[in-house]
PDB file of all heavy atoms in Angstrom:
ATOM      1  N   TYR A   1       0.814  -1.212   0.000  1.00  0.00           N
ATOM      2  CA  TYR A   1       0.000   0.000   0.000  1.00  0.00           C
ATOM      3  C   TYR A   1       0.853   1.270   0.000  1.00  0.00           C
ATOM      4  O   TYR A   1       0.515   2.269  -0.629  1.00  0.00           O
ATOM      5  CB  TYR A   1      -0.987  -0.009   1.175  1.00  0.00           C
ATOM      6  CG  TYR A   1      -2.139  -0.975   0.997  1.00  0.00           C
ATOM      7  CD1 TYR A   1      -2.891  -1.408   2.093  1.00  0.00           C
ATOM      8  CD2 TYR A   1      -2.494  -1.450  -0.268  1.00  0.00           C
ATOM      9  CE1 TYR A   1      -3.964  -2.285   1.932  1.00  0.00           C
ATOM     10  CE2 TYR A   1      -3.558  -2.328  -0.434  1.00  0.00           C
ATOM     11  CZ  TYR A   1      -4.296  -2.749   0.670  1.00  0.00           C
ATOM     12  OH  TYR A   1      -5.352  -3.610   0.497  1.00  0.00           O
ATOM     13  N   THR A   2       1.985   1.233   0.699  1.00  0.00           N
ATOM     14  CA  THR A   2       2.878   2.399   0.679  1.00  0.00           C
ATOM     15  C   THR A   2       3.408   2.622  -0.733  1.00  0.00           C
ATOM     16  O   THR A   2       3.422   3.745  -1.243  1.00  0.00           O
ATOM     17  CB  THR A   2       4.061   2.194   1.660  1.00  0.00           C
ATOM     18  OG1 THR A   2       3.528   2.002   2.973  1.00  0.00           O
ATOM     19  CG2 THR A   2       4.983   3.408   1.666  1.00  0.00           C
ATOM     20  N   GLN A   3       3.799   1.525  -1.383  1.00  0.00           N
ATOM     21  CA  GLN A   3       4.352   1.661  -2.732  1.00  0.00           C
ATOM     22  C   GLN A   3       3.314   2.167  -3.735  1.00  0.00           C
ATOM     23  O   GLN A   3       3.629   2.989  -4.598  1.00  0.00           O
ATOM     24  CB  GLN A   3       4.929   0.317  -3.198  1.00  0.00           C
ATOM     25  CG  GLN A   3       6.203  -0.055  -2.454  1.00  0.00           C
ATOM     26  CD  GLN A   3       6.777  -1.368  -2.957  1.00  0.00           C
ATOM     27  OE1 GLN A   3       7.230  -1.450  -4.092  1.00  0.00           O
ATOM     28  NE2 GLN A   3       6.747  -2.387  -2.126  1.00  0.00           N
ATOM     29  N   VAL A   4       2.083   1.680  -3.636  1.00  0.00           N
ATOM     30  CA  VAL A   4       1.087   2.085  -4.633  1.00  0.00           C
ATOM     31  C   VAL A   4       0.701   3.553  -4.451  1.00  0.00           C
ATOM     32  O   VAL A   4       0.539   4.290  -5.418  1.00  0.00           O
ATOM     33  CB  VAL A   4      -0.144   1.148  -4.660  1.00  0.00           C
ATOM     34  CG1 VAL A   4      -1.051   1.323  -3.458  1.00  0.00           C
ATOM     35  CG2 VAL A   4      -0.962   1.383  -5.930  1.00  0.00           C
ATOM     36  N   VAL A   5       0.606   4.014  -3.208  1.00  0.00           N
ATOM     37  CA  VAL A   5       0.261   5.423  -2.987  1.00  0.00           C
ATOM     38  C   VAL A   5       1.400   6.326  -3.455  1.00  0.00           C
ATOM     39  O   VAL A   5       1.185   7.337  -4.127  1.00  0.00           O
ATOM     40  CB  VAL A   5      -0.107   5.703  -1.512  1.00  0.00           C
ATOM     41  CG1 VAL A   5      -0.324   7.192  -1.277  1.00  0.00           C
ATOM     42  CG2 VAL A   5      -1.375   4.927  -1.125  1.00  0.00           C
ATOM     43  N   ARG A   6       2.629   5.948  -3.129  1.00  0.00           N
ATOM     44  CA  ARG A   6       3.787   6.748  -3.574  1.00  0.00           C
ATOM     45  C   ARG A   6       3.880   6.783  -5.097  1.00  0.00           C
ATOM     46  O   ARG A   6       4.124   7.833  -5.693  1.00  0.00           O
ATOM     47  CB  ARG A   6       5.087   6.182  -2.987  1.00  0.00           C
ATOM     48  CG  ARG A   6       5.219   6.397  -1.474  1.00  0.00           C
ATOM     49  CD  ARG A   6       6.513   5.819  -0.935  1.00  0.00           C
ATOM     50  NE  ARG A   6       7.644   6.655  -1.309  1.00  0.00           N
ATOM     51  CZ  ARG A   6       8.398   7.357  -0.437  1.00  0.00           C
ATOM     52  NH1 ARG A   6       8.137   7.291   0.855  1.00  0.00           N
ATOM     53  NH2 ARG A   6       9.390   8.088  -0.857  1.00  0.00           N
ATOM     54  N   ARG A   7       3.690   5.637  -5.710  1.00  0.00           N
ATOM     55  CA  ARG A   7       3.796   5.547  -7.175  1.00  0.00           C
ATOM     56  C   ARG A   7       2.715   6.385  -7.860  1.00  0.00           C
ATOM     57  O   ARG A   7       3.001   7.122  -8.812  1.00  0.00           O
ATOM     58  CB  ARG A   7       3.687   4.077  -7.608  1.00  0.00           C
ATOM     59  CG  ARG A   7       3.611   3.843  -9.121  1.00  0.00           C
ATOM     60  CD  ARG A   7       4.899   4.125  -9.850  1.00  0.00           C
ATOM     61  NE  ARG A   7       5.976   3.266  -9.401  1.00  0.00           N
ATOM     62  CZ  ARG A   7       7.253   3.399  -9.776  1.00  0.00           C
ATOM     63  NH1 ARG A   7       7.582   4.352 -10.620  1.00  0.00           N
ATOM     64  NH2 ARG A   7       8.169   2.584  -9.317  1.00  0.00           N
ATOM     65  N   THR A   8       1.479   6.254  -7.414  1.00  0.00           N
ATOM     66  CA  THR A   8       0.400   6.994  -8.081  1.00  0.00           C
ATOM     67  C   THR A   8       0.566   8.501  -7.864  1.00  0.00           C
ATOM     68  O   THR A   8       0.357   9.284  -8.797  1.00  0.00           O
ATOM     69  CB  THR A   8      -0.994   6.508  -7.613  1.00  0.00           C
ATOM     70  OG1 THR A   8      -1.059   6.505  -6.186  1.00  0.00           O
ATOM     71  CG2 THR A   8      -1.283   5.106  -8.140  1.00  0.00           C
ATOM     72  N   LEU A   9       0.972   8.920  -6.670  1.00  0.00           N
ATOM     73  CA  LEU A   9       1.225  10.348  -6.438  1.00  0.00           C
ATOM     74  C   LEU A   9       2.303  10.887  -7.370  1.00  0.00           C
ATOM     75  O   LEU A   9       2.137  11.939  -7.985  1.00  0.00           O
ATOM     76  CB  LEU A   9       1.658  10.595  -4.987  1.00  0.00           C
ATOM     77  CG  LEU A   9       0.555  10.811  -3.952  1.00  0.00           C
ATOM     78  CD1 LEU A   9       1.173  10.924  -2.561  1.00  0.00           C
ATOM     79  CD2 LEU A   9      -0.302  12.038  -4.261  1.00  0.00           C
ATOM     80  N   ARG A  10       3.416  10.168  -7.482  1.00  0.00           N
ATOM     81  CA  ARG A  10       4.503  10.606  -8.364  1.00  0.00           C
ATOM     82  C   ARG A  10       4.037  10.720  -9.811  1.00  0.00           C
ATOM     83  O   ARG A  10       4.564  11.504 -10.593  1.00  0.00           O
ATOM     84  CB  ARG A  10       5.663   9.596  -8.325  1.00  0.00           C
ATOM     85  CG  ARG A  10       6.623   9.784  -7.183  1.00  0.00           C
ATOM     86  CD  ARG A  10       8.017   9.273  -7.544  1.00  0.00           C
ATOM     87  NE  ARG A  10       8.023   7.913  -8.071  1.00  0.00           N
ATOM     88  CZ  ARG A  10       8.064   6.809  -7.321  1.00  0.00           C
ATOM     89  NH1 ARG A  10       8.070   6.901  -6.010  1.00  0.00           N
ATOM     90  NH2 ARG A  10       8.098   5.621  -7.877  1.00  0.00           N
ATOM     91  N   ASN A  11       3.058   9.890 -10.174  1.00  0.00           N
ATOM     92  CA  ASN A  11       2.543   9.907 -11.539  1.00  0.00           C
ATOM     93  C   ASN A  11       1.368  10.863 -11.717  1.00  0.00           C
ATOM     94  O   ASN A  11       0.686  10.828 -12.731  1.00  0.00           O
ATOM     95  CB  ASN A  11       2.152   8.494 -11.976  1.00  0.00           C
ATOM     96  CG  ASN A  11       3.361   7.698 -12.443  1.00  0.00           C
ATOM     97  OD1 ASN A  11       3.929   7.996 -13.488  1.00  0.00           O
ATOM     98  ND2 ASN A  11       3.778   6.719 -11.668  1.00  0.00           N
ATOM     99  N   GLY A  12       1.124  11.682 -10.700  1.00  0.00           N
ATOM    100  CA  GLY A  12       0.139  12.748 -10.878  1.00  0.00           C
ATOM    101  C   GLY A  12      -1.287  12.413 -10.485  1.00  0.00           C
ATOM    102  O   GLY A  12      -2.210  13.164 -10.795  1.00  0.00           O
ATOM    103  N   THR A  13      -1.491  11.275  -9.795  1.00  0.00           N
ATOM    104  CA  THR A  13      -2.829  10.951  -9.291  1.00  0.00           C
ATOM    105  C   THR A  13      -3.008  11.617  -7.931  1.00  0.00           C
ATOM    106  O   THR A  13      -2.461  11.156  -6.929  1.00  0.00           O
ATOM    107  CB  THR A  13      -3.010   9.421  -9.140  1.00  0.00           C
ATOM    108  OG1 THR A  13      -2.844   8.801 -10.422  1.00  0.00           O
ATOM    109  CG2 THR A  13      -4.392   9.079  -8.592  1.00  0.00           C
ATOM    110  N   THR A  14      -3.752  12.718  -7.911  1.00  0.00           N
ATOM    111  CA  THR A  14      -3.970  13.415  -6.644  1.00  0.00           C
ATOM    112  C   THR A  14      -5.167  12.849  -5.890  1.00  0.00           C
ATOM    113  O   THR A  14      -5.264  12.977  -4.675  1.00  0.00           O
ATOM    114  CB  THR A  14      -4.170  14.920  -6.883  1.00  0.00           C
ATOM    115  OG1 THR A  14      -5.157  15.105  -7.893  1.00  0.00           O
ATOM    116  CG2 THR A  14      -2.869  15.574  -7.335  1.00  0.00           C
ATOM    117  N   THR A  15      -6.087  12.216  -6.632  1.00  0.00           N
ATOM    118  CA  THR A  15      -7.247  11.560  -6.020  1.00  0.00           C
ATOM    119  C   THR A  15      -7.354  10.143  -6.557  1.00  0.00           C
ATOM    120  O   THR A  15      -7.310   9.937  -7.779  1.00  0.00           O
ATOM    121  CB  THR A  15      -8.561  12.302  -6.356  1.00  0.00           C
ATOM    122  OG1 THR A  15      -8.474  13.637  -5.867  1.00  0.00           O
ATOM    123  CG2 THR A  15      -9.764  11.611  -5.737  1.00  0.00           C
ATOM    124  N   ALA A  16      -7.509   9.161  -5.657  1.00  0.00           N
ATOM    125  CA  ALA A  16      -7.661   7.772  -6.084  1.00  0.00           C
ATOM    126  C   ALA A  16      -8.857   7.143  -5.388  1.00  0.00           C
ATOM    127  O   ALA A  16      -9.096   7.386  -4.203  1.00  0.00           O
ATOM    128  CB  ALA A  16      -6.397   6.974  -5.762  1.00  0.00           C
ATOM    129  N   CYS A  17      -9.597   6.345  -6.142  1.00  0.00           N
ATOM    130  CA  CYS A  17     -10.712   5.595  -5.578  1.00  0.00           C
ATOM    131  C   CYS A  17     -10.287   4.126  -5.534  1.00  0.00           C
ATOM    132  O   CYS A  17     -10.208   3.460  -6.565  1.00  0.00           O
ATOM    133  CB  CYS A  17     -11.952   5.793  -6.452  1.00  0.00           C
ATOM    134  SG  CYS A  17     -13.447   5.115  -5.720  1.00  0.00           S
ATOM    135  N   TYR A  18      -9.957   3.665  -4.308  1.00  0.00           N
ATOM    136  CA  TYR A  18      -9.291   2.371  -4.132  1.00  0.00           C
ATOM    137  C   TYR A  18     -10.232   1.247  -3.712  1.00  0.00           C
ATOM    138  O   TYR A  18     -11.053   1.419  -2.809  1.00  0.00           O
ATOM    139  CB  TYR A  18      -8.245   2.481  -3.020  1.00  0.00           C
ATOM    140  CG  TYR A  18      -6.995   3.247  -3.352  1.00  0.00           C
ATOM    141  CD1 TYR A  18      -6.667   4.412  -2.646  1.00  0.00           C
ATOM    142  CD2 TYR A  18      -6.109   2.798  -4.331  1.00  0.00           C
ATOM    143  CE1 TYR A  18      -5.487   5.104  -2.916  1.00  0.00           C
ATOM    144  CE2 TYR A  18      -4.932   3.488  -4.607  1.00  0.00           C
ATOM    145  CZ  TYR A  18      -4.627   4.640  -3.899  1.00  0.00           C
ATOM    146  OH  TYR A  18      -3.469   5.321  -4.162  1.00  0.00           O
ATOM    147  N   PHE A  19     -10.032   0.081  -4.322  1.00  0.00           N
ATOM    148  CA  PHE A  19     -10.499  -1.189  -3.762  1.00  0.00           C
ATOM    149  C   PHE A  19      -9.353  -1.727  -2.924  1.00  0.00           C
ATOM    150  O   PHE A  19      -8.213  -1.752  -3.389  1.00  0.00           O
ATOM    151  CB  PHE A  19     -10.759  -2.211  -4.871  1.00  0.00           C
ATOM    152  CG  PHE A  19     -12.153  -2.225  -5.420  1.00  0.00           C
ATOM    153  CD1 PHE A  19     -12.673  -1.096  -6.050  1.00  0.00           C
ATOM    154  CD2 PHE A  19     -12.943  -3.362  -5.349  1.00  0.00           C
ATOM    155  CE1 PHE A  19     -13.950  -1.106  -6.581  1.00  0.00           C
ATOM    156  CE2 PHE A  19     -14.224  -3.380  -5.876  1.00  0.00           C
ATOM    157  CZ  PHE A  19     -14.741  -2.258  -6.500  1.00  0.00           C
ATOM    158  N   ALA A  20      -9.627  -2.166  -1.711  1.00  0.00           N
ATOM    159  CA  ALA A  20      -8.613  -2.847  -0.913  1.00  0.00           C
ATOM    160  C   ALA A  20      -8.910  -4.350  -1.002  1.00  0.00           C
ATOM    161  O   ALA A  20      -8.918  -4.910  -2.091  1.00  0.00           O
ATOM    162  CB  ALA A  20      -8.635  -2.331   0.520  1.00  0.00           C
ATOM    163  N   THR A  21      -9.176  -4.998   0.144  1.00  0.00           N
ATOM    164  CA  THR A  21      -9.538  -6.425   0.163  1.00  0.00           C
ATOM    165  C   THR A  21     -10.661  -6.592   1.184  1.00  0.00           C
ATOM    166  O   THR A  21     -11.172  -5.611   1.712  1.00  0.00           O
ATOM    167  CB  THR A  21      -8.344  -7.306   0.611  1.00  0.00           C
ATOM    168  OG1 THR A  21      -7.970  -6.914   1.944  1.00  0.00           O
ATOM    169  CG2 THR A  21      -7.159  -7.163  -0.323  1.00  0.00           C
ATOM    170  N   ILE A  22     -10.985  -7.853   1.514  1.00  0.00           N
ATOM    171  CA  ILE A  22     -12.045  -8.103   2.499  1.00  0.00           C
ATOM    172  C   ILE A  22     -11.562  -7.865   3.938  1.00  0.00           C
ATOM    173  O   ILE A  22     -12.334  -7.942   4.877  1.00  0.00           O
ATOM    174  CB  ILE A  22     -12.615  -9.548   2.382  1.00  0.00           C
ATOM    175  CG1 ILE A  22     -11.550 -10.604   2.699  1.00  0.00           C
ATOM    176  CG2 ILE A  22     -13.198  -9.774   0.994  1.00  0.00           C
ATOM    177  CD1 ILE A  22     -12.073 -12.050   2.674  1.00  0.00           C
ATOM    178  N   HIS A  23     -10.274  -7.546   4.099  1.00  0.00           N
ATOM    179  CA  HIS A  23      -9.695  -7.423   5.442  1.00  0.00           C
ATOM    180  C   HIS A  23      -9.799  -6.000   5.970  1.00  0.00           C
ATOM    181  O   HIS A  23      -9.210  -5.079   5.403  1.00  0.00           O
ATOM    182  CB  HIS A  23      -8.233  -7.873   5.427  1.00  0.00           C
ATOM    183  CG  HIS A  23      -8.035  -9.180   4.740  1.00  0.00           C
ATOM    184  ND1 HIS A  23      -7.595  -9.269   3.428  1.00  0.00           N
ATOM    185  CD2 HIS A  23      -8.259 -10.453   5.153  1.00  0.00           C
ATOM    186  CE1 HIS A  23      -7.539 -10.552   3.073  1.00  0.00           C
ATOM    187  NE2 HIS A  23      -7.934 -11.285   4.097  1.00  0.00           N
ATOM    188  N   THR A  24     -10.522  -5.835   7.072  1.00  0.00           N
ATOM    189  CA  THR A  24     -10.770  -4.495   7.620  1.00  0.00           C
ATOM    190  C   THR A  24      -9.496  -3.781   8.048  1.00  0.00           C
ATOM    191  O   THR A  24      -9.279  -2.617   7.701  1.00  0.00           O
ATOM    192  CB  THR A  24     -11.732  -4.601   8.819  1.00  0.00           C
ATOM    193  OG1 THR A  24     -12.920  -5.241   8.371  1.00  0.00           O
ATOM    194  CG2 THR A  24     -12.071  -3.230   9.384  1.00  0.00           C
ATOM    195  N   ASP A  25      -8.643  -4.449   8.785  1.00  0.00           N
ATOM    196  CA  ASP A  25      -7.484  -3.760   9.367  1.00  0.00           C
ATOM    197  C   ASP A  25      -6.504  -3.279   8.302  1.00  0.00           C
ATOM    198  O   ASP A  25      -5.986  -2.165   8.391  1.00  0.00           O
ATOM    199  CB  ASP A  25      -6.781  -4.645  10.404  1.00  0.00           C
ATOM    200  CG  ASP A  25      -7.668  -4.867  11.624  1.00  0.00           C
ATOM    201  OD1 ASP A  25      -8.457  -3.955  11.940  1.00  0.00           O
ATOM    202  OD2 ASP A  25      -7.593  -5.946  12.245  1.00  0.00           O
ATOM    203  N   SER A  26      -6.241  -4.103   7.289  1.00  0.00           N
ATOM    204  CA  SER A  26      -5.326  -3.633   6.256  1.00  0.00           C
ATOM    205  C   SER A  26      -5.991  -2.572   5.373  1.00  0.00           C
ATOM    206  O   SER A  26      -5.318  -1.681   4.847  1.00  0.00           O
ATOM    207  CB  SER A  26      -4.745  -4.791   5.437  1.00  0.00           C
ATOM    208  OG  SER A  26      -5.760  -5.535   4.830  1.00  0.00           O
ATOM    209  N   SER A  27      -7.319  -2.608   5.238  1.00  0.00           N
ATOM    210  CA  SER A  27      -8.014  -1.550   4.493  1.00  0.00           C
ATOM    211  C   SER A  27      -7.914  -0.218   5.241  1.00  0.00           C
ATOM    212  O   SER A  27      -7.724   0.840   4.632  1.00  0.00           O
ATOM    213  CB  SER A  27      -9.476  -1.923   4.265  1.00  0.00           C
ATOM    214  OG  SER A  27      -9.579  -3.156   3.569  1.00  0.00           O
ATOM    215  N   LEU A  28      -8.025  -0.275   6.573  1.00  0.00           N
ATOM    216  CA  LEU A  28      -7.839   0.934   7.388  1.00  0.00           C
ATOM    217  C   LEU A  28      -6.410   1.454   7.248  1.00  0.00           C
ATOM    218  O   LEU A  28      -6.169   2.670   7.209  1.00  0.00           O
ATOM    219  CB  LEU A  28      -8.139   0.633   8.867  1.00  0.00           C
ATOM    220  CG  LEU A  28      -9.621   0.430   9.213  1.00  0.00           C
ATOM    221  CD1 LEU A  28      -9.771  -0.210  10.595  1.00  0.00           C
ATOM    222  CD2 LEU A  28     -10.391   1.746   9.141  1.00  0.00           C
ATOM    223  N   LEU A  29      -5.468   0.526   7.134  1.00  0.00           N
ATOM    224  CA  LEU A  29      -4.064   0.896   6.965  1.00  0.00           C
ATOM    225  C   LEU A  29      -3.856   1.665   5.654  1.00  0.00           C
ATOM    226  O   LEU A  29      -3.103   2.648   5.611  1.00  0.00           O
ATOM    227  CB  LEU A  29      -3.198  -0.374   6.994  1.00  0.00           C
ATOM    228  CG  LEU A  29      -1.684  -0.218   6.908  1.00  0.00           C
ATOM    229  CD1 LEU A  29      -1.148   0.641   8.050  1.00  0.00           C
ATOM    230  CD2 LEU A  29      -1.006  -1.590   6.925  1.00  0.00           C
ATOM    231  N   LEU A  30      -4.536   1.248   4.599  1.00  0.00           N
ATOM    232  CA  LEU A  30      -4.451   1.958   3.318  1.00  0.00           C
ATOM    233  C   LEU A  30      -4.920   3.409   3.484  1.00  0.00           C
ATOM    234  O   LEU A  30      -4.289   4.339   2.976  1.00  0.00           O
ATOM    235  CB  LEU A  30      -5.272   1.237   2.243  1.00  0.00           C
ATOM    236  CG  LEU A  30      -5.419   1.938   0.888  1.00  0.00           C
ATOM    237  CD1 LEU A  30      -4.072   2.264   0.251  1.00  0.00           C
ATOM    238  CD2 LEU A  30      -6.254   1.068  -0.074  1.00  0.00           C
ATOM    239  N   GLY A  31      -6.000   3.600   4.230  1.00  0.00           N
ATOM    240  CA  GLY A  31      -6.488   4.953   4.500  1.00  0.00           C
ATOM    241  C   GLY A  31      -5.456   5.777   5.248  1.00  0.00           C
ATOM    242  O   GLY A  31      -5.224   6.955   4.937  1.00  0.00           O
ATOM    243  N   HIS A  32      -4.826   5.147   6.205  1.00  0.00           N
ATOM    244  CA  HIS A  32      -3.801   5.802   7.026  1.00  0.00           C
ATOM    245  C   HIS A  32      -2.614   6.232   6.164  1.00  0.00           C
ATOM    246  O   HIS A  32      -2.086   7.351   6.285  1.00  0.00           O
ATOM    247  CB  HIS A  32      -3.354   4.835   8.133  1.00  0.00           C
ATOM    248  CG  HIS A  32      -2.191   5.315   8.937  1.00  0.00           C
ATOM    249  ND1 HIS A  32      -2.295   6.315   9.892  1.00  0.00           N
ATOM    250  CD2 HIS A  32      -0.882   4.957   8.911  1.00  0.00           C
ATOM    251  CE1 HIS A  32      -1.100   6.534  10.414  1.00  0.00           C
ATOM    252  NE2 HIS A  32      -0.229   5.731   9.845  1.00  0.00           N
ATOM    253  N   ILE A  33      -2.185   5.343   5.265  1.00  0.00           N
ATOM    254  CA  ILE A  33      -1.025   5.617   4.398  1.00  0.00           C
ATOM    255  C   ILE A  33      -1.344   6.746   3.423  1.00  0.00           C
ATOM    256  O   ILE A  33      -0.536   7.662   3.215  1.00  0.00           O
ATOM    257  CB  ILE A  33      -0.598   4.324   3.657  1.00  0.00           C
ATOM    258  CG1 ILE A  33       0.005   3.322   4.661  1.00  0.00           C
ATOM    259  CG2 ILE A  33       0.384   4.630   2.535  1.00  0.00           C
ATOM    260  CD1 ILE A  33       0.140   1.905   4.124  1.00  0.00           C
TER     261      ILE A  33
END
């Protein structure tokens, strides 16, 4: 999740609409990152 957010930001994605997975805690982590 850290890599995908960093990569998309560098490529000019200022807003992203993300699918995570069925796992609540790691989905919350994506929000945090």
